[in-house]
């Protein structure tokens, strides 16, 4: 088998399947394993216990999937078409990646199709696909594969695409030639660090997830610490601030993938409008969305915080009062806090 030629074909097939970039990395992550251990030792992973449970496996691809020789890394852009709506404190701010169809399903399906194409050419081989679905150091692997470099906010950056993209991987038992790692191009810029509302980026390349709004609104299962609630503003699912301010994102282009188009008007919906959804409406409208994973209770929790930070209107206060006796103690707590903000 001419693996160099196969590598070229894999990259071509990947682009035919909707990936904007494909690169190949080896499995050596010893330096990353040490940094991961330091991060876990500080407790910066918060309640994300799975990060600690599978810490070593994240940095050892050949142990996670025995027989793995190379990792095929794929990038799929998700920036929705159209201009971002003007800032409005009464509007619910939802991270751009979550406004369309759940990327996990889209990415995994395409990665499996890529594996099928490779097997048809090279014969059966050991493989397993990942899309933020297992202990994988996807940013570091993508850096080694030449897809981009790690920005100071810890996300991957690409010169031609900024950071508005998803990453997926194929762990493969093929001795493919590897690509050269990407060089760094952040220079002295610290805009992502300076803009973070909760100062979660403690230093370049050091993120305390416990302070991150994405962690607080998505990963945290219980009560949001009061010290962070006013800083969350109207961000009800995730946060894009460190990406939106990055100069490299001026080069990003809208995704051609229809699955990532905005659904249910989530780029312009108001806090009051979303807070009025029943549990049945939430389940129906968020079917196929990454947002559904947090569940209805945490959805209301997040919206209550947003309503507490928004300018008071009769409609807004009435919406909060209507949930003051909600069956969930978590929801009641955050509604009471929001109402106290409005006197």
Foldseek 3Di string as FASTA:
>chain_A
DPQQVLVVVLQVLLVVLAFPGKFKFFLAQVVVLVVLVVQVVVVLVPPPVQCVVCSVCQSGVCVVFPLFGMKMKTKHFQQADDDFDDDALQAAAEPLQQQFFAVFVVVQVSVVVSQVVSCVPPNDWDKDKGFPNHSYPRQVRCQQRAQAHQWQVRAGQHQQAGRRITMMIMRTNDNHDGDHGHDDDCPPDDQLQVFQLQSQSVGRNHGRLLRFLQCQQAVDQFARDPVCLLSNRNHNHGDCRSRVRDPSNVNRDHGPDPRSHGFPPNSGHGLLRQLPDDQVRCCVRCVRTPVPVSGDLSSLLSSLSSLLNHDDDPSSLVSLVVCCVPPDPRNNVSSVNSNVSVD
